[in-house]
Amino acid sequence: LGMRTGLFFGSFNPIHNGHLAIANYFVDFTEVNELWFVVSPQNPLKDKEILAPDFHRLEMVKKAISIDEHRISVCDIEMSMPIPSYTIDTLKALEKKYPERSFYLILGSDSLETITKWKDYQELLNNYKILVYPREGSNIDELAKRYPVKVIKAPLFEYSSTLIREKMSKGEDVSKMIPHSVLKYILKNGLYRTK
């Protein structure tokens, strides 16, 4: 049955301990054998000001994954695809490139709430395995009744990349929220500072 690869999409701006906890939970407790952080390029609809350059976000994910963790890696396929990148196109490109793997889409329940706005969302729901983890403020059980997804009770994390960027711009301590290697990288490259 080849590798079962979970795809965890996001801007990872920056990646934080919550993302890593979820990734570890998925490779430890679900049917996926490995997980790829798929770092999304700049979305033209989002404010460019707040998004660290693609290269830096990829680098931070690489730094966040511990050296001895072979089941988790970073995937930069979207960086070379047309923008905006649509999940369905990325999935098809990955299937073409890695025919021996089966891919699972890993989504937060907040993303699932907007899935009807996604390109070819019916095809996504019908043709791909979707694993959903809980996010604050959305009713995961309601969503699971509505869509053919599998609910994974991964740990809820209390903070977001947005909160971390806000704290950093105020010079507040975020060392409990992000890996030390990532914090060092952010400081070295002067990311998320207020102008």
C-alpha atoms as a PDB file:
ATOM      1  CA  LEU A   1       0.000   0.000   0.000  1.00  0.00           C
ATOM      2  CA  GLY A   2       2.978   2.372  -0.251  1.00  0.00           C
ATOM      3  CA  MET A   3       3.423   5.373   1.963  1.00  0.00           C
ATOM      4  CA  ARG A   4       0.414   7.137   3.441  1.00  0.00           C
ATOM      5  CA  THR A   5       1.447  10.758   3.419  1.00  0.00           C
ATOM      6  CA  GLY A   6      -0.409  13.446   5.338  1.00  0.00           C
ATOM      7  CA  LEU A   7      -0.312  16.912   3.773  1.00  0.00           C
ATOM      8  CA  PHE A   8      -0.493  19.756   6.265  1.00  0.00           C
ATOM      9  CA  PHE A   9      -0.973  22.973   4.274  1.00  0.00           C
ATOM     10  CA  GLY A  10      -0.307  26.418   5.656  1.00  0.00           C
ATOM     11  CA  SER A  11       1.594  29.691   5.511  1.00  0.00           C
ATOM     12  CA  PHE A  12       3.533  28.715   8.672  1.00  0.00           C
ATOM     13  CA  ASN A  13       4.148  32.375   9.313  1.00  0.00           C
ATOM     14  CA  PRO A  14       5.886  31.403  11.548  1.00  0.00           C
ATOM     15  CA  ILE A  15       5.609  27.688  12.292  1.00  0.00           C
ATOM     16  CA  HIS A  16       4.971  27.170  16.013  1.00  0.00           C
ATOM     17  CA  ASN A  17       4.783  24.437  18.640  1.00  0.00           C
ATOM     18  CA  GLY A  18       1.063  23.931  17.990  1.00  0.00           C
ATOM     19  CA  HIS A  19       1.745  22.976  14.369  1.00  0.00           C
ATOM     20  CA  LEU A  20       4.466  20.587  15.495  1.00  0.00           C
ATOM     21  CA  ALA A  21       2.273  19.004  18.172  1.00  0.00           C
ATOM     22  CA  ILE A  22      -0.401  18.323  15.562  1.00  0.00           C
ATOM     23  CA  ALA A  23       2.118  16.929  13.075  1.00  0.00           C
ATOM     24  CA  ASN A  24       3.533  14.594  15.721  1.00  0.00           C
ATOM     25  CA  TYR A  25       0.065  13.522  16.776  1.00  0.00           C
ATOM     26  CA  PHE A  26      -0.816  12.605  13.191  1.00  0.00           C
ATOM     27  CA  VAL A  27       2.267  10.476  12.579  1.00  0.00           C
ATOM     28  CA  ASP A  28       1.954   8.816  16.003  1.00  0.00           C
ATOM     29  CA  PHE A  29      -1.785   8.143  16.239  1.00  0.00           C
ATOM     30  CA  THR A  30      -3.390   8.073  12.789  1.00  0.00           C
ATOM     31  CA  GLU A  31      -3.028   6.012   9.642  1.00  0.00           C
ATOM     32  CA  VAL A  32      -0.506   8.351   8.023  1.00  0.00           C
ATOM     33  CA  ASN A  33       3.106   7.087   8.123  1.00  0.00           C
ATOM     34  CA  GLU A  34       4.612  10.475   7.342  1.00  0.00           C
ATOM     35  CA  LEU A  35       3.616  14.095   7.199  1.00  0.00           C
ATOM     36  CA  TRP A  36       4.673  16.897   4.885  1.00  0.00           C
ATOM     37  CA  PHE A  37       4.336  20.538   5.804  1.00  0.00           C
ATOM     38  CA  VAL A  38       3.220  22.088   2.501  1.00  0.00           C
ATOM     39  CA  VAL A  39       4.307  25.704   2.729  1.00  0.00           C
ATOM     40  CA  SER A  40       1.983  27.901   0.692  1.00  0.00           C
ATOM     41  CA  PRO A  41       3.290  30.825  -1.302  1.00  0.00           C
ATOM     42  CA  GLN A  42       2.026  34.350  -0.914  1.00  0.00           C
ATOM     43  CA  ASN A  43      -1.739  34.358  -1.453  1.00  0.00           C
ATOM     44  CA  PRO A  44      -2.571  37.362  -3.662  1.00  0.00           C
ATOM     45  CA  LEU A  45      -5.715  37.939  -1.591  1.00  0.00           C
ATOM     46  CA  LYS A  46      -3.798  38.295   1.638  1.00  0.00           C
ATOM     47  CA  ASP A  47      -1.876  41.295   2.815  1.00  0.00           C
ATOM     48  CA  LYS A  48       1.740  40.842   1.716  1.00  0.00           C
ATOM     49  CA  GLU A  49       3.020  43.019   4.532  1.00  0.00           C
ATOM     50  CA  ILE A  50       2.423  40.430   7.212  1.00  0.00           C
ATOM     51  CA  LEU A  51       3.737  37.392   5.379  1.00  0.00           C
ATOM     52  CA  ALA A  52       7.437  36.663   5.703  1.00  0.00           C
ATOM     53  CA  PRO A  53       9.037  35.861   2.327  1.00  0.00           C
ATOM     54  CA  ASP A  54       8.461  32.303   1.059  1.00  0.00           C
ATOM     55  CA  PHE A  55      12.119  31.391   1.413  1.00  0.00           C
ATOM     56  CA  HIS A  56      12.183  32.335   5.109  1.00  0.00           C
ATOM     57  CA  ARG A  57       8.993  30.432   5.906  1.00  0.00           C
ATOM     58  CA  LEU A  58      10.359  27.269   4.248  1.00  0.00           C
ATOM     59  CA  GLU A  59      13.612  27.653   6.140  1.00  0.00           C
ATOM     60  CA  MET A  60      11.791  28.042   9.481  1.00  0.00           C
ATOM     61  CA  VAL A  61       9.835  24.833   8.900  1.00  0.00           C
ATOM     62  CA  LYS A  62      13.085  23.006   8.095  1.00  0.00           C
ATOM     63  CA  LYS A  63      14.629  24.345  11.294  1.00  0.00           C
ATOM     64  CA  ALA A  64      11.571  23.373  13.356  1.00  0.00           C
ATOM     65  CA  ILE A  65      11.720  19.686  12.423  1.00  0.00           C
ATOM     66  CA  SER A  66      14.116  17.870  14.674  1.00  0.00           C
ATOM     67  CA  ILE A  67      17.061  16.227  12.967  1.00  0.00           C
ATOM     68  CA  ASP A  68      16.140  12.722  14.088  1.00  0.00           C
ATOM     69  CA  GLU A  69      12.498  12.979  12.944  1.00  0.00           C
ATOM     70  CA  HIS A  70      12.384  11.176   9.610  1.00  0.00           C
ATOM     71  CA  ARG A  71       8.622  10.975   9.363  1.00  0.00           C
ATOM     72  CA  ILE A  72       8.069  14.722   9.069  1.00  0.00           C
ATOM     73  CA  SER A  73       9.413  16.892   6.273  1.00  0.00           C
ATOM     74  CA  VAL A  74       8.802  20.055   4.330  1.00  0.00           C
ATOM     75  CA  CYS A  75       7.348  20.179   0.813  1.00  0.00           C
ATOM     76  CA  ASP A  76       7.910  23.229  -1.371  1.00  0.00           C
ATOM     77  CA  ILE A  77       5.983  22.101  -4.460  1.00  0.00           C
ATOM     78  CA  GLU A  78       3.571  25.055  -4.281  1.00  0.00           C
ATOM     79  CA  MET A  79       6.447  27.500  -4.611  1.00  0.00           C
ATOM     80  CA  SER A  80       6.916  26.500  -8.251  1.00  0.00           C
ATOM     81  CA  MET A  81       3.216  26.332  -9.125  1.00  0.00           C
ATOM     82  CA  PRO A  82       1.021  29.085 -10.566  1.00  0.00           C
ATOM     83  CA  ILE A  83      -0.294  31.533  -7.980  1.00  0.00           C
ATOM     84  CA  PRO A  84      -2.727  31.424  -6.352  1.00  0.00           C
ATOM     85  CA  SER A  85      -2.133  27.787  -5.524  1.00  0.00           C
ATOM     86  CA  TYR A  86      -5.236  25.664  -5.261  1.00  0.00           C
ATOM     87  CA  THR A  87      -5.165  22.583  -3.055  1.00  0.00           C
ATOM     88  CA  ILE A  88      -6.726  20.399  -5.742  1.00  0.00           C
ATOM     89  CA  ASP A  89      -3.991  21.315  -8.255  1.00  0.00           C
ATOM     90  CA  THR A  90      -1.276  20.672  -5.686  1.00  0.00           C
ATOM     91  CA  LEU A  91      -2.739  17.251  -4.892  1.00  0.00           C
ATOM     92  CA  LYS A  92      -2.825  16.312  -8.562  1.00  0.00           C
ATOM     93  CA  ALA A  93       0.747  17.503  -9.086  1.00  0.00           C
ATOM     94  CA  LEU A  94       1.928  15.477  -6.077  1.00  0.00           C
ATOM     95  CA  GLU A  95       0.095  12.352  -7.269  1.00  0.00           C
ATOM     96  CA  LYS A  96       1.788  12.657 -10.630  1.00  0.00           C
ATOM     97  CA  LYS A  97       5.191  13.115  -9.023  1.00  0.00           C
ATOM     98  CA  TYR A  98       4.788  10.395  -6.352  1.00  0.00           C
ATOM     99  CA  PRO A  99       2.440   7.742  -7.787  1.00  0.00           C
ATOM    100  CA  GLU A 100       3.489   5.238  -5.116  1.00  0.00           C
ATOM    101  CA  ARG A 101       2.107   7.360  -2.249  1.00  0.00           C
ATOM    102  CA  SER A 102      -1.449   7.885  -1.094  1.00  0.00           C
ATOM    103  CA  PHE A 103      -2.083  11.412   0.108  1.00  0.00           C
ATOM    104  CA  TYR A 104      -4.261  12.522   2.987  1.00  0.00           C
ATOM    105  CA  LEU A 105      -5.357  16.103   3.389  1.00  0.00           C
ATOM    106  CA  ILE A 106      -4.975  17.405   6.943  1.00  0.00           C
ATOM    107  CA  LEU A 107      -7.253  20.332   7.732  1.00  0.00           C
ATOM    108  CA  GLY A 108      -8.196  22.374  10.752  1.00  0.00           C
ATOM    109  CA  SER A 109     -11.947  22.464  11.373  1.00  0.00           C
ATOM    110  CA  ASP A 110     -11.854  26.226  10.649  1.00  0.00           C
ATOM    111  CA  SER A 111     -10.615  25.518   7.093  1.00  0.00           C
ATOM    112  CA  LEU A 112     -13.296  22.894   6.544  1.00  0.00           C
ATOM    113  CA  GLU A 113     -15.936  25.530   7.325  1.00  0.00           C
ATOM    114  CA  THR A 114     -14.959  27.460   4.183  1.00  0.00           C
ATOM    115  CA  ILE A 115     -14.372  24.445   1.937  1.00  0.00           C
ATOM    116  CA  THR A 116     -17.320  25.227  -0.335  1.00  0.00           C
ATOM    117  CA  LYS A 117     -15.378  28.316  -1.498  1.00  0.00           C
ATOM    118  CA  TRP A 118     -12.428  26.163  -2.592  1.00  0.00           C
ATOM    119  CA  LYS A 119     -11.734  25.323  -6.213  1.00  0.00           C
ATOM    120  CA  ASP A 120     -13.354  21.965  -7.183  1.00  0.00           C
ATOM    121  CA  TYR A 121     -14.241  21.319  -3.561  1.00  0.00           C
ATOM    122  CA  GLN A 122     -16.659  18.512  -4.473  1.00  0.00           C
ATOM    123  CA  GLU A 123     -13.846  16.633  -6.130  1.00  0.00           C
ATOM    124  CA  LEU A 124     -11.659  17.185  -3.082  1.00  0.00           C
ATOM    125  CA  LEU A 125     -14.331  15.803  -0.767  1.00  0.00           C
ATOM    126  CA  ASN A 126     -15.199  12.856  -3.017  1.00  0.00           C
ATOM    127  CA  ASN A 127     -11.759  11.755  -4.166  1.00  0.00           C
ATOM    128  CA  TYR A 128      -9.401  12.459  -1.297  1.00  0.00           C
ATOM    129  CA  LYS A 129      -9.114  11.312   2.262  1.00  0.00           C
ATOM    130  CA  ILE A 130      -9.531  14.288   4.556  1.00  0.00           C
ATOM    131  CA  LEU A 131      -8.496  14.204   8.203  1.00  0.00           C
ATOM    132  CA  VAL A 132      -9.767  17.086  10.306  1.00  0.00           C
ATOM    133  CA  TYR A 133      -8.432  18.311  13.636  1.00  0.00           C
ATOM    134  CA  PRO A 134     -10.288  20.670  16.000  1.00  0.00           C
ATOM    135  CA  ARG A 135      -9.694  24.401  16.004  1.00  0.00           C
ATOM    136  CA  GLU A 136     -11.097  26.860  18.521  1.00  0.00           C
ATOM    137  CA  GLY A 137     -14.490  28.266  17.610  1.00  0.00           C
ATOM    138  CA  SER A 138     -15.727  25.720  15.079  1.00  0.00           C
ATOM    139  CA  ASN A 139     -17.986  22.765  15.745  1.00  0.00           C
ATOM    140  CA  ILE A 140     -16.070  19.798  14.416  1.00  0.00           C
ATOM    141  CA  ASP A 141     -18.860  17.271  15.062  1.00  0.00           C
ATOM    142  CA  GLU A 142     -21.383  19.302  13.045  1.00  0.00           C
ATOM    143  CA  LEU A 143     -18.882  19.546  10.182  1.00  0.00           C
ATOM    144  CA  ALA A 144     -18.232  15.819  10.283  1.00  0.00           C
ATOM    145  CA  LYS A 145     -21.944  15.165   9.777  1.00  0.00           C
ATOM    146  CA  ARG A 146     -21.963  17.419   6.744  1.00  0.00           C
ATOM    147  CA  TYR A 147     -18.804  16.232   4.985  1.00  0.00           C
ATOM    148  CA  PRO A 148     -17.141  12.853   4.325  1.00  0.00           C
ATOM    149  CA  VAL A 149     -14.173  13.500   6.586  1.00  0.00           C
ATOM    150  CA  LYS A 150     -12.544  11.698   9.468  1.00  0.00           C
ATOM    151  CA  VAL A 151     -12.258  13.601  12.739  1.00  0.00           C
ATOM    152  CA  ILE A 152      -8.949  13.280  14.544  1.00  0.00           C
ATOM    153  CA  LYS A 153      -9.028  14.486  18.128  1.00  0.00           C
ATOM    154  CA  ALA A 154      -5.593  16.044  17.992  1.00  0.00           C
ATOM    155  CA  PRO A 155      -4.688  18.464  20.796  1.00  0.00           C
ATOM    156  CA  LEU A 156      -6.135  21.966  20.558  1.00  0.00           C
ATOM    157  CA  PHE A 157      -3.546  24.680  20.684  1.00  0.00           C
ATOM    158  CA  GLU A 158      -4.336  27.981  22.267  1.00  0.00           C
ATOM    159  CA  TYR A 159      -2.336  30.329  20.080  1.00  0.00           C
ATOM    160  CA  SER A 160      -1.796  31.212  16.462  1.00  0.00           C
ATOM    161  CA  SER A 161       0.919  32.539  14.179  1.00  0.00           C
ATOM    162  CA  THR A 162      -0.937  35.868  14.214  1.00  0.00           C
ATOM    163  CA  LEU A 163      -0.656  36.110  17.991  1.00  0.00           C
ATOM    164  CA  ILE A 164       3.037  35.239  17.828  1.00  0.00           C
ATOM    165  CA  ARG A 165       3.694  37.952  15.231  1.00  0.00           C
ATOM    166  CA  GLU A 166       1.811  40.489  17.349  1.00  0.00           C
ATOM    167  CA  LYS A 167       3.794  39.580  20.451  1.00  0.00           C
ATOM    168  CA  MET A 168       7.077  39.737  18.569  1.00  0.00           C
ATOM    169  CA  SER A 169       6.318  43.148  17.122  1.00  0.00           C
ATOM    170  CA  LYS A 170       5.793  44.370  20.700  1.00  0.00           C
ATOM    171  CA  GLY A 171       9.019  42.735  21.815  1.00  0.00           C
ATOM    172  CA  GLU A 172       7.202  40.202  24.032  1.00  0.00           C
ATOM    173  CA  ASP A 173       8.588  36.759  24.871  1.00  0.00           C
ATOM    174  CA  VAL A 174       7.380  33.965  22.562  1.00  0.00           C
ATOM    175  CA  SER A 175      10.008  31.376  23.480  1.00  0.00           C
ATOM    176  CA  LYS A 176       7.370  28.978  24.866  1.00  0.00           C
ATOM    177  CA  MET A 177       5.381  29.057  21.639  1.00  0.00           C
ATOM    178  CA  ILE A 178       7.971  28.398  18.955  1.00  0.00           C
ATOM    179  CA  PRO A 179      11.027  26.142  18.720  1.00  0.00           C
ATOM    180  CA  HIS A 180      14.274  27.749  19.834  1.00  0.00           C
ATOM    181  CA  SER A 181      15.844  27.199  16.392  1.00  0.00           C
ATOM    182  CA  VAL A 182      12.976  29.112  14.759  1.00  0.00           C
ATOM    183  CA  LEU A 183      13.165  31.986  17.224  1.00  0.00           C
ATOM    184  CA  LYS A 184      16.901  32.283  16.601  1.00  0.00           C
ATOM    185  CA  TYR A 185      16.296  32.379  12.850  1.00  0.00           C
ATOM    186  CA  ILE A 186      13.590  35.048  13.172  1.00  0.00           C
ATOM    187  CA  LEU A 187      15.826  37.282  15.274  1.00  0.00           C
ATOM    188  CA  LYS A 188      18.829  36.774  13.033  1.00  0.00           C
ATOM    189  CA  ASN A 189      16.830  37.734   9.927  1.00  0.00           C
ATOM    190  CA  GLY A 190      14.861  40.538  11.556  1.00  0.00           C
ATOM    191  CA  LEU A 191      11.472  39.028  10.712  1.00  0.00           C
ATOM    192  CA  TYR A 192       8.177  40.247  12.265  1.00  0.00           C
ATOM    193  CA  ARG A 193       9.644  43.429  13.624  1.00  0.00           C
ATOM    194  CA  THR A 194       7.537  46.534  13.515  1.00  0.00           C
ATOM    195  CA  LYS A 195       8.806  49.037  11.024  1.00  0.00           C
END
